[in-house]
Amino acid sequence: MATRFAIATLGCKVNQYDSAIIESRLSGLGMLRTEFTEQADVYIVNTCTITDRADAESLRIARRARRLNPKARVVMTGCLAQASPDVLAKAPEVDAVIGLGRLDDLERAVAFGAGERVMVTNLRKEKAPIELAAVTLDGHTRAFLKLQEGCDQFCTFCIVPFSRGTSRSVEPRRIMAALDDLHARGVKEVVLTGVHLGGYGKDLEPPVGLAELLEMIAERCPLDRVRISSLDPEELSDRIVEIISRSEKFCPHLHLPLQSGDDETLSRMRRRYARDYFRDRVDRVLSAWPDAAIGTDLIVGFPGETAAHFDSYFDFVAAMPLAYFHVFPYSVRAGTTAAKFSGRVKPSEIKRRAALMRELGDRKRMEFARSFVGSKLKVLLEERAPDGKLRGYSRNYVRVSAQGPDQLTNREVEVEASTVEGIQLVGEIVRPWADGSALGGAS
């Protein structure tokens, strides 16, 4: 009987990507994936360590796995396993702790129970290889391709440089081959992702800048929809804006993490820009790409953030032409510089500020969607929604739904938007082959 394995994934999209790679490798060995709530022979917890709370949740899930099947092996991997292996090794419910970049060891530990109990490499000293593979997340048709791993920025609130290691990149030739393979497999959109994508290529010999890579992709990528996951504001050069805005391959959508709209707070965070520079980058993008969606990440309640700081921060964000944002209430992470800062904000006040910022974010998202009512948008249809309509995303990252046959799934169609429902546009398909192919060839 085939070995059954289950994976629980905590944290960000990069962790979800890594879990998809793990699942693919284990399935290739003939093992069967099952849900984490069911009986399995091996439980894998892909941990997160972004906050102390995430650490506790990782251990809680390991204990739950042990209760589900006392005879099963429980294997911990991911960021907490990499950053704090000794903490996990002390837990009686944990059988193996395997750090990042050790997929062969993970495979052996899961399939055969082989190897040492703790297998972790110091990624600040040794460069672990990056497994280059395209994966789809959440059942969608977009493929994610991780081009870069690790980070050398050392923002005061972030543990990632310690958990993910030094910045390292995939060579351009391997990336272009992967894009060719995606096209051959019928994928219509790829998201270029990394832990710190703006650091791409500095470690290569000879060095290759992100702008150079994007230029290659603009010239040679066979896919018609290429999306960039996230770039720090100071790494969005005028050259990059020019390359992506002039090429029809790149989706008019950028995610620029702001983190705070107050310059004093940005300085304490050790971010490398001021808010006026962020505003300049947003203006630069929209002058070249007027319909582009610009999203951001916001932390509220960072140590030392006074009521006056927050009010200024809120007003700055409210005035910015942003399409959406993700709001993160500040939470302490032991081992970061910020964990030692004074001026802690009360949890109740952090919660209040986060609620205000999220409410603003909902309004921004609705306003952005509403601005396209009456317009025709190219939409990659991904799935059938509970209301019976087909649903997907426009190039500028607005969710759009419309009536249509199943054959249009994984097709880029043209939709004329007529109304807004919540944060999504609803419209009518006016051209079912915006990608240039006839409906009869749909798969």
Protein backbone atom coordinates (compact mmCIF):
# COMPACT_ATOMS: atom_id res chain seq x y z
CA MET A 1 0.00 0.00 0.00
CA ALA A 2 1.30 3.46 -0.96
CA THR A 3 2.56 5.76 1.77
CA ARG A 4 0.09 8.53 2.55
CA PHE A 5 1.41 11.99 3.34
CA ALA A 6 -0.25 15.24 4.39
CA ILE A 7 1.14 18.79 4.30
CA ALA A 8 0.14 21.76 6.45
CA THR A 9 1.46 25.08 5.13
CA LEU A 10 1.79 28.21 7.24
CA GLY A 11 2.73 31.68 6.08
CA CYS A 12 3.30 33.29 2.72
CA LYS A 13 2.97 32.43 -0.96
CA VAL A 14 6.64 31.38 -1.03
CA ASN A 15 5.85 28.67 1.53
CA GLN A 16 2.85 27.61 -0.53
CA TYR A 17 5.15 27.38 -3.53
CA ASP A 18 7.63 25.25 -1.57
CA SER A 19 4.82 22.93 -0.40
CA ALA A 20 3.68 22.44 -3.99
CA ILE A 21 7.25 21.46 -4.93
CA ILE A 22 7.35 18.97 -2.02
CA GLU A 23 4.01 17.49 -3.05
CA SER A 24 5.17 17.10 -6.64
CA ARG A 25 8.35 15.30 -5.62
CA LEU A 26 6.63 12.92 -3.20
CA SER A 27 3.83 12.16 -5.65
CA GLY A 28 6.52 11.32 -8.19
CA LEU A 29 7.68 8.60 -5.81
CA GLY A 30 4.21 7.03 -5.87
CA MET A 31 3.12 8.42 -2.51
CA LEU A 32 -0.47 9.58 -2.02
CA ARG A 33 -1.41 13.06 -0.79
CA THR A 34 -4.22 13.22 1.77
CA GLU A 35 -5.77 16.01 3.79
CA PHE A 36 -4.09 17.02 7.04
CA THR A 37 -7.29 16.29 8.93
CA GLU A 38 -7.17 12.63 7.84
CA GLN A 39 -5.06 9.62 8.76
CA ALA A 40 -1.63 9.73 7.14
CA ASP A 41 1.64 7.85 7.48
CA VAL A 42 3.68 11.06 7.42
CA TYR A 43 2.65 14.59 8.37
CA ILE A 44 4.76 17.46 7.01
CA VAL A 45 4.47 20.88 8.63
CA ASN A 46 5.89 23.64 6.42
CA THR A 47 6.46 26.18 9.17
CA CYS A 48 6.46 29.97 9.33
CA THR A 49 8.48 32.06 11.77
CA ILE A 50 7.45 35.61 10.86
CA THR A 51 6.11 36.16 14.42
CA ASP A 52 6.32 34.40 17.77
CA ARG A 53 2.67 33.49 17.26
CA ALA A 54 3.55 31.68 14.02
CA ASP A 55 6.16 29.64 15.92
CA ALA A 56 3.54 28.54 18.44
CA GLU A 57 1.08 27.67 15.69
CA SER A 58 3.64 25.43 13.97
CA LEU A 59 4.12 23.41 17.15
CA ARG A 60 0.38 23.27 17.75
CA ILE A 61 -0.12 21.72 14.31
CA ALA A 62 2.63 19.16 15.00
CA ARG A 63 0.82 18.10 18.20
CA ARG A 64 -2.43 17.81 16.27
CA ALA A 65 -0.73 15.54 13.73
CA ARG A 66 0.53 13.29 16.52
CA ARG A 67 -3.00 13.01 17.93
CA LEU A 68 -4.41 12.13 14.49
CA ASN A 69 -2.04 9.18 14.17
CA PRO A 70 0.32 8.40 17.07
CA LYS A 71 2.27 6.00 14.82
CA ALA A 72 2.86 8.52 12.03
CA ARG A 73 6.11 10.40 11.44
CA VAL A 74 5.94 14.16 11.91
CA VAL A 75 8.44 16.11 9.80
CA MET A 76 9.02 19.84 10.28
CA THR A 77 10.44 21.99 7.47
CA GLY A 78 10.19 25.62 6.37
CA CYS A 79 11.30 28.86 7.99
CA LEU A 80 10.99 27.92 11.68
CA ALA A 81 12.82 24.65 11.04
CA GLN A 82 15.59 26.64 9.38
CA ALA A 83 15.82 29.49 11.91
CA SER A 84 15.21 27.59 15.18
CA PRO A 85 15.80 23.85 14.66
CA ASP A 86 16.69 23.29 18.32
CA VAL A 87 13.26 24.55 19.44
CA LEU A 88 11.54 21.98 17.24
CA ALA A 89 13.98 19.19 18.07
CA LYS A 90 13.01 19.46 21.75
CA ALA A 91 9.34 18.80 20.96
CA PRO A 92 8.50 15.10 21.63
CA GLU A 93 5.91 15.04 18.83
CA VAL A 94 8.54 15.92 16.17
CA ASP A 95 10.45 13.12 14.44
CA ALA A 96 12.60 15.12 12.02
CA VAL A 97 13.59 18.76 11.45
CA ILE A 98 14.75 19.55 7.92
CA GLY A 99 15.83 23.02 6.87
CA LEU A 100 15.27 24.85 3.60
CA GLY A 101 17.10 23.82 0.46
CA ARG A 102 17.35 20.15 1.49
CA LEU A 103 14.64 18.59 -0.62
CA ASP A 104 16.57 15.35 -1.16
CA ASP A 105 16.89 14.89 2.61
CA LEU A 106 13.20 15.73 3.07
CA GLU A 107 12.26 13.19 0.42
CA ARG A 108 14.29 10.45 2.13
CA ALA A 109 12.94 11.34 5.57
CA VAL A 110 9.33 11.17 4.37
CA ALA A 111 9.61 8.16 2.09
CA PHE A 112 11.98 6.00 4.13
CA GLY A 113 12.35 7.58 7.58
CA ALA A 114 16.05 7.91 6.75
CA GLY A 115 18.58 10.50 7.83
CA GLU A 116 19.46 12.37 11.00
CA ARG A 117 16.79 13.86 13.24
CA VAL A 118 17.99 17.43 12.52
CA MET A 119 19.31 18.34 9.07
CA VAL A 120 19.81 22.09 8.69
CA THR A 121 22.42 24.09 6.77
CA ASN A 122 23.50 27.62 7.72
CA LEU A 123 22.11 29.47 4.69
CA ARG A 124 23.98 32.67 5.59
CA LYS A 125 27.22 30.77 4.96
CA GLU A 126 26.31 28.12 2.41
CA LYS A 127 24.19 28.60 -0.69
CA ALA A 128 21.50 25.97 -1.07
CA PRO A 129 20.31 25.30 -4.63
CA ILE A 130 16.91 26.59 -5.78
CA GLU A 131 14.53 24.00 -7.16
CA LEU A 132 13.17 25.64 -10.32
CA ALA A 133 9.68 24.41 -11.05
CA ALA A 134 6.42 26.12 -11.96
CA VAL A 135 3.50 25.42 -9.65
CA THR A 136 -0.12 26.49 -9.48
CA LEU A 137 -1.61 27.60 -6.18
CA ASP A 138 -5.20 27.42 -4.92
CA GLY A 139 -6.32 25.47 -7.97
CA HIS A 140 -5.86 28.48 -10.27
CA THR A 141 -4.42 28.45 -13.76
CA ARG A 142 -1.65 30.96 -13.03
CA ALA A 143 1.76 29.39 -12.60
CA PHE A 144 4.27 30.69 -10.07
CA LEU A 145 7.97 30.58 -10.91
CA LYS A 146 10.46 31.33 -8.11
CA LEU A 147 13.49 33.07 -9.57
CA GLN A 148 15.23 34.06 -6.36
CA GLU A 149 15.56 32.93 -2.74
CA GLY A 150 16.81 34.58 0.44
CA CYS A 151 17.30 38.23 1.41
CA ASP A 152 20.16 40.53 2.42
CA GLN A 153 18.09 43.56 3.48
CA PHE A 154 17.78 43.02 7.28
CA CYS A 155 14.75 45.21 7.94
CA THR A 156 14.37 45.52 11.71
CA PHE A 157 10.99 43.75 11.85
CA CYS A 158 11.95 40.79 9.67
CA ILE A 159 13.50 37.39 10.41
CA VAL A 160 13.60 36.32 6.73
CA PRO A 161 17.36 36.91 6.17
CA PHE A 162 18.02 34.37 8.94
CA SER A 163 15.31 31.87 7.98
CA ARG A 164 15.75 32.02 4.19
CA GLY A 165 19.46 32.77 4.03
CA THR A 166 21.51 34.90 1.71
CA SER A 167 20.09 36.10 -1.60
CA ARG A 168 20.63 33.65 -4.45
CA SER A 169 19.26 33.59 -7.97
CA VAL A 170 18.37 31.24 -10.82
CA GLU A 171 20.40 31.69 -14.01
CA PRO A 172 18.53 33.39 -16.89
CA ARG A 173 18.96 30.41 -19.25
CA ARG A 174 17.16 28.15 -16.78
CA ILE A 175 14.37 30.70 -16.36
CA MET A 176 13.87 31.04 -20.12
CA ALA A 177 13.79 27.23 -20.50
CA ALA A 178 11.16 27.02 -17.74
CA LEU A 179 9.03 29.67 -19.48
CA ASP A 180 9.26 27.71 -22.74
CA ASP A 181 8.15 24.60 -20.87
CA LEU A 182 5.18 26.43 -19.33
CA HIS A 183 4.04 27.56 -22.76
CA ALA A 184 4.31 24.01 -24.09
CA ARG A 185 2.11 22.83 -21.18
CA GLY A 186 -0.62 25.31 -22.09
CA VAL A 187 -0.12 27.72 -19.19
CA LYS A 188 -1.43 31.20 -20.01
CA GLU A 189 0.02 33.30 -17.16
CA VAL A 190 3.14 33.15 -15.04
CA VAL A 191 3.91 35.08 -11.85
CA LEU A 192 7.62 35.79 -11.36
CA THR A 193 8.28 35.50 -7.66
CA GLY A 194 11.05 35.50 -5.09
CA VAL A 195 11.70 36.22 -1.44
CA HIS A 196 13.43 39.48 -2.43
CA LEU A 197 12.94 39.75 -6.17
CA GLY A 198 14.69 43.13 -6.37
CA GLY A 199 17.91 41.42 -5.29
CA TYR A 200 17.81 39.14 -8.34
CA GLY A 201 21.07 38.40 -10.12
CA LYS A 202 23.59 40.20 -7.91
CA ASP A 203 25.03 36.84 -6.82
CA LEU A 204 25.41 35.43 -10.33
CA GLU A 205 28.70 35.27 -12.23
CA PRO A 206 28.71 37.57 -14.11
CA PRO A 207 26.03 39.59 -12.26
CA VAL A 208 22.70 40.08 -14.03
CA GLY A 209 20.29 42.83 -13.02
CA LEU A 210 16.55 42.33 -12.76
CA ALA A 211 16.07 44.87 -15.57
CA GLU A 212 18.25 42.75 -17.87
CA LEU A 213 16.25 39.63 -17.05
CA LEU A 214 12.93 41.41 -17.68
CA GLU A 215 14.30 42.65 -21.01
CA MET A 216 15.09 39.06 -22.01
CA ILE A 217 11.60 37.99 -20.98
CA ALA A 218 10.01 40.82 -22.95
CA GLU A 219 11.90 39.72 -26.05
CA ARG A 220 11.79 35.94 -25.78
CA CYS A 221 9.03 34.73 -23.42
CA PRO A 222 6.34 32.82 -25.37
CA LEU A 223 3.67 33.49 -22.73
CA ASP A 224 1.33 36.44 -23.24
CA ARG A 225 0.74 37.24 -19.55
CA VAL A 226 3.70 37.77 -17.21
CA ARG A 227 3.07 39.19 -13.75
CA ILE A 228 5.71 40.44 -11.29
CA SER A 229 4.99 39.48 -7.69
CA SER A 230 6.60 42.13 -5.48
CA LEU A 231 9.36 44.75 -5.67
CA ASP A 232 10.66 47.07 -2.98
CA PRO A 233 10.09 50.70 -4.07
CA GLU A 234 13.78 51.63 -4.27
CA GLU A 235 14.38 48.74 -6.65
CA LEU A 236 11.78 49.83 -9.19
CA SER A 237 14.07 51.75 -11.53
CA ASP A 238 12.94 53.94 -14.40
CA ARG A 239 14.46 51.37 -16.73
CA ILE A 240 12.30 48.59 -15.28
CA VAL A 241 9.19 50.76 -15.59
CA GLU A 242 10.07 51.46 -19.23
CA ILE A 243 10.68 47.79 -20.05
CA ILE A 244 7.49 46.40 -18.52
CA SER A 245 5.17 49.22 -19.59
CA ARG A 246 6.27 49.03 -23.24
CA SER A 247 5.86 45.26 -23.52
CA GLU A 248 2.38 43.79 -23.96
CA LYS A 249 3.57 40.63 -22.22
CA PHE A 250 3.74 42.22 -18.76
CA CYS A 251 0.49 42.66 -16.87
CA PRO A 252 -0.10 46.26 -15.69
CA HIS A 253 0.12 45.32 -12.02
CA LEU A 254 2.86 45.94 -9.47
CA HIS A 255 3.07 45.21 -5.75
CA LEU A 256 5.29 47.75 -3.98
CA PRO A 257 5.55 47.12 -0.20
CA LEU A 258 5.34 50.47 1.61
CA GLN A 259 5.21 49.05 5.19
CA SER A 260 4.63 52.51 6.72
CA GLY A 261 3.55 55.94 5.52
CA ASP A 262 5.56 57.76 8.18
CA ASP A 263 9.22 58.61 7.56
CA GLU A 264 10.32 58.22 11.19
CA THR A 265 8.79 54.75 11.30
CA LEU A 266 10.35 53.83 7.95
CA SER A 267 13.75 54.82 9.34
CA ARG A 268 13.25 52.61 12.43
CA MET A 269 12.18 49.78 10.16
CA ARG A 270 15.45 50.26 8.24
CA ARG A 271 13.59 50.65 4.98
CA ARG A 272 15.63 52.29 2.21
CA TYR A 273 13.25 55.01 1.04
CA ALA A 274 11.05 57.81 2.36
CA ARG A 275 7.36 58.13 1.63
CA ASP A 276 7.90 60.89 -0.97
CA TYR A 277 10.06 58.46 -2.92
CA PHE A 278 7.28 55.87 -2.77
CA ARG A 279 4.86 58.49 -4.11
CA ASP A 280 7.30 59.28 -6.93
CA ARG A 281 7.53 55.61 -7.93
CA VAL A 282 3.73 55.25 -7.99
CA ASP A 283 3.41 58.42 -10.10
CA ARG A 284 6.13 57.15 -12.45
CA VAL A 285 4.32 53.85 -13.00
CA LEU A 286 0.92 55.44 -13.58
CA SER A 287 2.32 58.00 -16.00
CA ALA A 288 3.58 55.11 -18.16
CA TRP A 289 0.76 52.65 -17.36
CA PRO A 290 -2.40 54.65 -16.52
CA ASP A 291 -4.61 51.60 -15.88
CA ALA A 292 -2.06 49.73 -13.75
CA ALA A 293 -3.03 48.25 -10.39
CA ILE A 294 -0.54 49.14 -7.68
CA GLY A 295 -0.84 47.21 -4.44
CA THR A 296 1.16 47.40 -1.24
CA ASP A 297 1.84 45.88 2.20
CA LEU A 298 1.22 47.94 5.33
CA ILE A 299 2.32 47.27 8.91
CA VAL A 300 0.40 49.08 11.66
CA GLY A 301 1.39 49.46 15.31
CA PHE A 302 5.15 49.25 14.82
CA PRO A 303 7.03 50.16 18.04
CA GLY A 304 7.20 53.92 18.39
CA GLU A 305 4.26 54.57 16.07
CA THR A 306 2.37 57.31 17.93
CA ALA A 307 -1.20 58.41 17.25
CA ALA A 308 0.16 61.36 15.28
CA HIS A 309 2.40 59.06 13.23
CA PHE A 310 -0.54 56.81 12.42
CA ASP A 311 -2.83 59.71 11.45
CA SER A 312 -0.18 61.03 9.05
CA TYR A 313 0.40 57.49 7.73
CA PHE A 314 -3.34 56.93 7.20
CA ASP A 315 -3.80 60.25 5.39
CA PHE A 316 -0.82 59.49 3.13
CA VAL A 317 -2.19 56.09 2.13
CA ALA A 318 -5.70 57.50 1.65
CA ALA A 319 -4.33 60.07 -0.81
CA MET A 320 -2.36 57.52 -2.84
CA PRO A 321 -3.87 55.99 -6.03
CA LEU A 322 -3.51 52.41 -4.74
CA ALA A 323 -5.68 49.54 -5.99
CA TYR A 324 -5.47 47.36 -2.87
CA PHE A 325 -3.31 46.64 0.15
CA HIS A 326 -2.56 43.93 2.66
CA VAL A 327 -2.60 45.09 6.28
CA PHE A 328 -0.45 43.39 8.93
CA PRO A 329 -0.83 44.24 12.63
CA TYR A 330 2.69 44.38 14.08
CA SER A 331 3.56 41.33 16.13
CA VAL A 332 6.84 40.72 17.96
CA ARG A 333 9.33 38.30 16.45
CA ALA A 334 12.13 37.27 18.81
CA GLY A 335 15.54 37.59 17.19
CA THR A 336 14.70 40.74 15.22
CA THR A 337 16.05 44.17 16.07
CA ALA A 338 12.53 45.58 16.48
CA ALA A 339 11.76 43.08 19.24
CA LYS A 340 14.08 45.15 21.48
CA PHE A 341 12.49 48.51 20.63
CA SER A 342 10.63 50.53 23.25
CA GLY A 343 7.39 52.37 22.58
CA ARG A 344 5.22 49.28 22.16
CA VAL A 345 1.69 50.04 20.99
CA LYS A 346 -1.12 48.46 23.01
CA PRO A 347 -2.66 45.38 21.28
CA SER A 348 -6.13 46.94 21.40
CA GLU A 349 -4.82 50.05 19.64
CA ILE A 350 -3.00 47.96 17.02
CA LYS A 351 -6.26 46.12 16.36
CA ARG A 352 -8.14 49.44 16.00
CA ARG A 353 -5.59 50.86 13.57
CA ALA A 354 -5.56 47.67 11.50
CA ALA A 355 -9.37 47.74 11.24
CA LEU A 356 -9.30 51.36 10.03
CA MET A 357 -6.64 50.60 7.44
CA ARG A 358 -8.44 47.47 6.19
CA GLU A 359 -11.67 49.44 5.84
CA LEU A 360 -9.78 51.98 3.75
CA GLY A 361 -8.32 49.15 1.71
CA ASP A 362 -11.78 47.74 0.95
CA ARG A 363 -12.88 51.18 -0.29
CA LYS A 364 -9.76 51.50 -2.46
CA ARG A 365 -10.33 48.09 -4.03
CA MET A 366 -13.99 48.87 -4.80
CA GLU A 367 -13.10 52.29 -6.23
CA PHE A 368 -10.47 50.75 -8.48
CA ALA A 369 -12.89 48.09 -9.76
CA ARG A 370 -15.63 50.68 -10.27
CA SER A 371 -13.32 52.77 -12.48
CA PHE A 372 -13.50 50.05 -15.14
CA VAL A 373 -17.31 49.80 -15.42
CA GLY A 374 -18.12 50.23 -19.10
CA SER A 375 -14.60 49.18 -20.16
CA LYS A 376 -13.47 46.08 -22.01
CA LEU A 377 -10.91 44.00 -20.11
CA LYS A 378 -8.82 40.99 -21.06
CA VAL A 379 -9.62 38.36 -18.44
CA LEU A 380 -7.99 34.97 -17.87
CA LEU A 381 -10.89 32.77 -16.76
CA GLU A 382 -9.80 30.36 -14.03
CA GLU A 383 -12.75 28.64 -12.40
CA ARG A 384 -16.51 28.39 -12.05
CA ALA A 385 -17.68 30.37 -9.03
CA PRO A 386 -20.46 29.25 -6.64
CA ASP A 387 -22.91 31.57 -8.44
CA GLY A 388 -22.41 29.60 -11.67
CA LYS A 389 -20.38 32.25 -13.49
CA LEU A 390 -16.85 31.84 -14.75
CA ARG A 391 -14.35 33.89 -12.77
CA GLY A 392 -10.83 35.13 -13.28
CA TYR A 393 -8.57 38.16 -13.20
CA SER A 394 -8.00 40.99 -15.62
CA ARG A 395 -4.47 41.90 -16.56
CA ASN A 396 -4.55 44.68 -13.97
CA TYR A 397 -5.64 42.30 -11.23
CA VAL A 398 -9.35 42.98 -10.93
CA ARG A 399 -11.51 39.94 -10.27
CA VAL A 400 -14.09 39.62 -13.05
CA SER A 401 -16.96 37.17 -13.53
CA ALA A 402 -19.16 36.44 -16.53
CA GLN A 403 -21.45 33.74 -17.91
CA GLY A 404 -19.74 31.29 -20.23
CA PRO A 405 -19.12 27.63 -21.10
CA ASP A 406 -16.52 25.46 -19.36
CA GLN A 407 -14.41 25.44 -22.54
CA LEU A 408 -13.38 29.00 -21.77
CA THR A 409 -11.55 28.00 -18.57
CA ASN A 410 -7.83 28.85 -18.90
CA ARG A 411 -8.68 31.20 -21.78
CA GLU A 412 -8.08 34.90 -22.02
CA VAL A 413 -11.34 36.47 -23.16
CA GLU A 414 -12.55 40.02 -23.52
CA VAL A 415 -15.22 41.06 -21.03
CA GLU A 416 -17.23 44.27 -21.07
CA ALA A 417 -17.75 45.19 -17.42
CA SER A 418 -21.24 46.41 -16.49
CA THR A 419 -21.50 46.37 -12.69
CA VAL A 420 -19.53 45.97 -9.47
CA GLU A 421 -20.53 43.32 -6.94
CA GLY A 422 -18.49 43.69 -3.76
CA ILE A 423 -14.90 43.99 -4.99
CA GLN A 424 -15.38 42.22 -8.32
CA LEU A 425 -16.58 43.31 -11.74
CA VAL A 426 -19.41 41.51 -13.49
CA GLY A 427 -19.79 41.70 -17.23
CA GLU A 428 -20.46 40.01 -20.53
CA ILE A 429 -17.98 38.14 -22.68
CA VAL A 430 -17.82 40.10 -25.93
CA ARG A 431 -14.91 38.24 -27.48
CA PRO A 432 -14.18 34.66 -26.36
CA TRP A 433 -10.68 34.47 -27.81
CA ALA A 434 -8.75 37.51 -26.69
CA ASP A 435 -5.63 35.33 -26.77
CA GLY A 436 -5.95 35.00 -30.56
CA SER A 437 -7.11 31.38 -30.71
CA ALA A 438 -10.50 30.09 -31.75
CA LEU A 439 -13.00 28.68 -29.23
CA GLY A 440 -13.02 25.37 -31.07
CA GLY A 441 -9.46 24.74 -29.87
CA ALA A 442 -10.27 25.25 -26.21
CA SER A 443 -9.20 22.55 -23.84
